[in-house]
Amino acid sequence: MLAENLENMVKRERSKGHRKGIKEGMAQGVAQGTKQTLRKLIQLKFGSLPGWAEKRIEKAGAQKLEAWTGNILQANSLEELLGEQ
């Protein structure tokens, strides 16, 4: 009985960990895709991506990346889009 309970508990925890890993992996994949899209849009609109902008994009969280991607059409400069250097 105790062995069965422990085995069931291990299975549940393993399943939770598996689902959490998939969720985190998907979130990272989406963030990487958003970063690539933003880089491409910046290059098309403003030209080559300076080092400071690359660093800012690489460190940004999902919400910031989404905001920048959504604001690129209205931005008049890279500094305006990503903030001052």
C-alpha atoms as a PDB file:
ATOM      1  CA  MET A   1       0.000   0.000   0.000  1.00  0.00           C
ATOM      2  CA  LEU A   2       2.712   2.476   1.003  1.00  0.00           C
ATOM      3  CA  ALA A   3       4.784   1.522  -2.031  1.00  0.00           C
ATOM      4  CA  GLU A   4       1.787   2.080  -4.328  1.00  0.00           C
ATOM      5  CA  ASN A   5       1.088   5.473  -2.784  1.00  0.00           C
ATOM      6  CA  LEU A   6       4.713   6.511  -3.206  1.00  0.00           C
ATOM      7  CA  GLU A   7       4.755   5.271  -6.789  1.00  0.00           C
ATOM      8  CA  ASN A   8       1.566   7.207  -7.600  1.00  0.00           C
ATOM      9  CA  MET A   9       2.966  10.331  -5.969  1.00  0.00           C
ATOM     10  CA  VAL A  10       6.189  10.040  -7.987  1.00  0.00           C
ATOM     11  CA  LYS A  11       4.182   9.605 -11.204  1.00  0.00           C
ATOM     12  CA  ARG A  12       2.075  12.713 -10.442  1.00  0.00           C
ATOM     13  CA  GLU A  13       5.120  14.822  -9.647  1.00  0.00           C
ATOM     14  CA  ARG A  14       6.950  13.584 -12.736  1.00  0.00           C
ATOM     15  CA  SER A  15       3.906  14.453 -14.853  1.00  0.00           C
ATOM     16  CA  LYS A  16       3.721  17.943 -13.307  1.00  0.00           C
ATOM     17  CA  GLY A  17       7.419  18.470 -14.011  1.00  0.00           C
ATOM     18  CA  HIS A  18       6.991  17.297 -17.578  1.00  0.00           C
ATOM     19  CA  ARG A  19       4.082  19.695 -18.198  1.00  0.00           C
ATOM     20  CA  LYS A  20       6.011  22.560 -16.592  1.00  0.00           C
ATOM     21  CA  GLY A  21       9.048  21.819 -18.768  1.00  0.00           C
ATOM     22  CA  ILE A  22       6.947  21.822 -21.928  1.00  0.00           C
ATOM     23  CA  LYS A  23       5.298  25.109 -20.946  1.00  0.00           C
ATOM     24  CA  GLU A  24       8.648  26.767 -20.177  1.00  0.00           C
ATOM     25  CA  GLY A  25      10.183  25.429 -23.392  1.00  0.00           C
ATOM     26  CA  MET A  26       7.313  26.784 -25.451  1.00  0.00           C
ATOM     27  CA  ALA A  27       7.600  30.187 -23.777  1.00  0.00           C
ATOM     28  CA  GLN A  28      11.318  30.309 -24.562  1.00  0.00           C
ATOM     29  CA  GLY A  29      10.632  29.331 -28.157  1.00  0.00           C
ATOM     30  CA  VAL A  30       8.055  32.101 -28.530  1.00  0.00           C
ATOM     31  CA  ALA A  31      10.450  34.635 -27.010  1.00  0.00           C
ATOM     32  CA  GLN A  32      13.224  33.590 -29.403  1.00  0.00           C
ATOM     33  CA  GLY A  33      10.853  33.848 -32.362  1.00  0.00           C
ATOM     34  CA  THR A  34       9.734  37.310 -31.264  1.00  0.00           C
ATOM     35  CA  LYS A  35      13.366  38.408 -30.913  1.00  0.00           C
ATOM     36  CA  GLN A  36      14.154  37.194 -34.441  1.00  0.00           C
ATOM     37  CA  THR A  37      11.095  38.955 -35.852  1.00  0.00           C
ATOM     38  CA  LEU A  38      11.942  42.190 -34.040  1.00  0.00           C
ATOM     39  CA  ARG A  39      15.551  42.079 -35.265  1.00  0.00           C
ATOM     40  CA  LYS A  40      14.377  41.597 -38.847  1.00  0.00           C
ATOM     41  CA  LEU A  41      11.851  44.444 -38.615  1.00  0.00           C
ATOM     42  CA  ILE A  42      14.473  46.760 -37.117  1.00  0.00           C
ATOM     43  CA  GLN A  43      16.936  45.919 -39.885  1.00  0.00           C
ATOM     44  CA  LEU A  44      14.326  46.563 -42.552  1.00  0.00           C
ATOM     45  CA  LYS A  45      13.266  49.884 -41.066  1.00  0.00           C
ATOM     46  CA  PHE A  46      16.440  51.311 -39.498  1.00  0.00           C
ATOM     47  CA  GLY A  47      19.318  49.337 -41.009  1.00  0.00           C
ATOM     48  CA  SER A  48      21.918  47.299 -39.156  1.00  0.00           C
ATOM     49  CA  LEU A  49      21.375  46.551 -35.494  1.00  0.00           C
ATOM     50  CA  PRO A  50      23.929  48.243 -33.208  1.00  0.00           C
ATOM     51  CA  GLY A  51      25.423  46.323 -30.300  1.00  0.00           C
ATOM     52  CA  TRP A  52      23.528  48.262 -27.632  1.00  0.00           C
ATOM     53  CA  ALA A  53      20.207  47.426 -29.310  1.00  0.00           C
ATOM     54  CA  GLU A  54      21.132  43.740 -29.640  1.00  0.00           C
ATOM     55  CA  LYS A  55      21.940  43.607 -25.921  1.00  0.00           C
ATOM     56  CA  ARG A  56      18.676  45.309 -25.021  1.00  0.00           C
ATOM     57  CA  ILE A  57      16.661  42.877 -27.168  1.00  0.00           C
ATOM     58  CA  GLU A  58      18.501  39.842 -25.790  1.00  0.00           C
ATOM     59  CA  LYS A  59      17.780  40.868 -22.169  1.00  0.00           C
ATOM     60  CA  ALA A  60      14.140  41.863 -22.739  1.00  0.00           C
ATOM     61  CA  GLY A  61      11.209  39.898 -21.389  1.00  0.00           C
ATOM     62  CA  ALA A  62       8.227  38.733 -23.394  1.00  0.00           C
ATOM     63  CA  GLN A  63       6.036  41.764 -22.617  1.00  0.00           C
ATOM     64  CA  LYS A  64       8.717  44.251 -23.639  1.00  0.00           C
ATOM     65  CA  LEU A  65       9.442  42.334 -26.857  1.00  0.00           C
ATOM     66  CA  GLU A  66       5.738  42.317 -27.751  1.00  0.00           C
ATOM     67  CA  ALA A  67       5.477  46.047 -27.047  1.00  0.00           C
ATOM     68  CA  TRP A  68       8.501  46.882 -29.210  1.00  0.00           C
ATOM     69  CA  THR A  69       7.236  44.685 -32.041  1.00  0.00           C
ATOM     70  CA  GLY A  70       3.858  46.388 -31.876  1.00  0.00           C
ATOM     71  CA  ASN A  71       5.374  49.881 -31.776  1.00  0.00           C
ATOM     72  CA  ILE A  72       7.945  49.569 -34.551  1.00  0.00           C
ATOM     73  CA  LEU A  73       5.690  51.024 -37.251  1.00  0.00           C
ATOM     74  CA  GLN A  74       5.166  54.245 -35.270  1.00  0.00           C
ATOM     75  CA  ALA A  75       8.774  54.663 -34.116  1.00  0.00           C
ATOM     76  CA  ASN A  76      10.872  57.298 -35.888  1.00  0.00           C
ATOM     77  CA  SER A  77      14.201  55.986 -34.612  1.00  0.00           C
ATOM     78  CA  LEU A  78      15.711  52.963 -32.956  1.00  0.00           C
ATOM     79  CA  GLU A  79      16.309  55.032 -29.823  1.00  0.00           C
ATOM     80  CA  GLU A  80      12.645  55.988 -29.755  1.00  0.00           C
ATOM     81  CA  LEU A  81      11.617  52.351 -30.122  1.00  0.00           C
ATOM     82  CA  LEU A  82      13.973  50.736 -27.600  1.00  0.00           C
ATOM     83  CA  GLY A  83      14.693  53.705 -25.376  1.00  0.00           C
ATOM     84  CA  GLU A  84      17.858  55.695 -25.045  1.00  0.00           C
ATOM     85  CA  GLN A  85      21.224  53.928 -25.145  1.00  0.00           C
END
